[in-house]
Protein backbone atom coordinates (compact mmCIF):
# COMPACT_ATOMS: atom_id res chain seq x y z
CA MET A 1 96.30 31.02 86.64
CA SER A 2 92.76 30.00 86.10
CA ASP A 3 89.50 31.79 86.12
CA LEU A 4 88.16 30.27 89.49
CA ALA A 5 88.64 32.72 91.29
CA ASN A 6 86.60 35.08 90.12
CA LYS A 7 83.39 32.87 90.73
CA LYS A 8 81.79 32.13 93.06
CA CYS A 9 80.92 29.37 95.77
CA ILE A 10 78.14 27.57 95.83
CA PRO A 11 76.31 26.03 98.85
CA CYS A 12 76.27 22.72 98.39
CA GLU A 13 73.43 20.50 100.50
CA GLY A 14 74.52 17.12 99.66
CA ASN A 15 72.66 17.14 96.34
CA ILE A 16 75.88 16.05 94.42
CA PRO A 17 78.18 13.52 94.09
CA PRO A 18 82.06 14.29 94.97
CA PHE A 19 84.59 14.54 92.27
CA ASP A 20 86.21 11.81 90.72
CA LYS A 21 89.96 11.45 90.30
CA SER A 22 89.99 12.38 87.14
CA GLU A 23 87.84 15.42 87.62
CA ILE A 24 90.12 16.43 91.14
CA HIS A 25 93.26 16.49 89.12
CA LYS A 26 91.45 18.41 86.34
CA TYR A 27 90.90 20.78 89.04
CA LEU A 28 94.32 21.13 89.88
CA LYS A 29 96.45 22.12 87.58
CA LYS A 30 93.61 25.21 87.91
CA VAL A 31 95.17 26.42 91.18
CA ASP A 32 98.70 26.87 92.51
CA GLY A 33 100.61 23.85 95.24
CA TRP A 34 97.09 22.80 96.82
CA ASP A 35 98.05 19.02 97.42
CA VAL A 36 95.10 16.17 97.10
CA ARG A 37 95.01 13.98 100.54
CA SER A 38 92.59 11.62 101.50
CA ASP A 39 91.13 10.78 104.90
CA GLY A 40 90.98 6.83 106.51
CA GLU A 41 87.95 6.90 104.69
CA LYS A 42 88.87 7.67 101.52
CA ASN A 43 87.27 11.01 101.41
CA TYR A 44 89.66 13.63 99.20
CA TYR A 45 90.34 16.99 100.45
CA LEU A 46 92.62 20.05 99.17
CA LYS A 47 95.76 20.84 101.55
CA LYS A 48 98.41 23.51 101.64
CA ASP A 49 100.82 24.94 104.00
CA PHE A 50 101.20 28.35 104.16
CA LYS A 51 104.88 29.74 106.22
CA PHE A 52 105.78 33.34 107.22
CA LYS A 53 108.20 35.48 108.72
CA ASN A 54 106.85 35.44 112.53
CA PHE A 55 103.55 34.95 113.86
CA ILE A 56 101.58 38.16 113.18
CA GLU A 57 101.99 37.40 109.66
CA SER A 58 100.14 34.23 110.04
CA GLN A 59 97.70 35.54 112.07
CA ASN A 60 97.03 38.27 109.14
CA PHE A 61 97.17 35.46 106.99
CA THR A 62 94.87 33.36 108.76
CA ASN A 63 92.11 36.54 109.43
CA LYS A 64 92.01 37.46 105.47
CA VAL A 65 91.28 33.48 104.39
CA GLY A 66 88.69 34.23 107.19
CA GLU A 67 87.06 36.48 105.87
CA ILE A 68 87.07 35.23 102.24
CA ALA A 69 85.25 31.99 103.84
CA GLU A 70 82.71 34.03 105.84
CA LYS A 71 81.82 35.79 102.24
CA GLU A 72 81.95 32.59 100.30
CA ASN A 73 79.86 30.84 102.59
CA HIS A 74 82.28 28.08 102.18
CA HIS A 75 84.74 27.33 105.23
CA PRO A 76 88.19 25.70 105.28
CA ASP A 77 90.21 23.90 108.49
CA ILE A 78 92.43 26.41 109.43
CA SER A 79 94.97 25.70 112.00
CA PHE A 80 98.30 28.54 112.43
CA GLY A 81 101.17 29.51 114.82
CA TRP A 82 104.47 30.96 114.60
CA GLY A 83 105.36 31.14 110.90
CA TYR A 84 102.43 28.79 109.68
CA CYS A 85 99.14 28.54 108.62
CA SER A 86 97.51 25.38 107.01
CA VAL A 87 94.30 24.88 105.54
CA LYS A 88 92.46 22.49 104.48
CA ILE A 89 89.31 22.58 102.05
CA PHE A 90 86.68 19.83 101.35
CA THR A 91 82.84 20.11 101.31
CA HIS A 92 81.51 18.60 104.18
CA ALA A 93 77.85 17.78 102.65
CA ILE A 94 79.19 15.05 100.47
CA LYS A 95 82.64 14.20 101.78
CA GLY A 96 84.87 15.07 99.18
CA LEU A 97 85.70 17.86 96.76
CA ALA A 98 83.59 19.93 94.48
CA GLU A 99 84.13 23.21 92.54
CA SER A 100 83.30 25.43 94.72
CA ASP A 101 86.86 24.08 97.13
CA PHE A 102 89.36 24.89 94.15
CA ILE A 103 87.09 27.86 93.62
CA LEU A 104 88.15 28.78 97.22
CA ALA A 105 91.34 27.49 96.97
CA ALA A 106 92.19 30.15 94.08
CA LYS A 107 90.60 32.68 95.96
CA ILE A 108 92.92 32.01 98.56
CA ASP A 109 95.73 31.82 96.54
CA GLN A 110 95.07 35.72 95.96
CA ILE A 111 95.87 36.87 99.35
């Protein structure tokens, strides 16, 4: 993998443009198994579904994602239940993707 997991997320106040498709695909090669999707307004985000054997494993993973998110001050949308956890990452201030989104994805992959 890449060195993204060793970097720190940088808070975004909306003063940068979101990544374009070529930049997204460059960074996508540095994370494992994340999908790039877009919403109805063509805003891009990262999404990954994780599978587990039971509810407690899903909950433990979700809690670890939450700990990383709080430490990095970069908070994904998370849903979980029996045997699964789904994580959606994007930078709210720019309604798209930036390097910090990929940094957070790389850190989550290390769990």
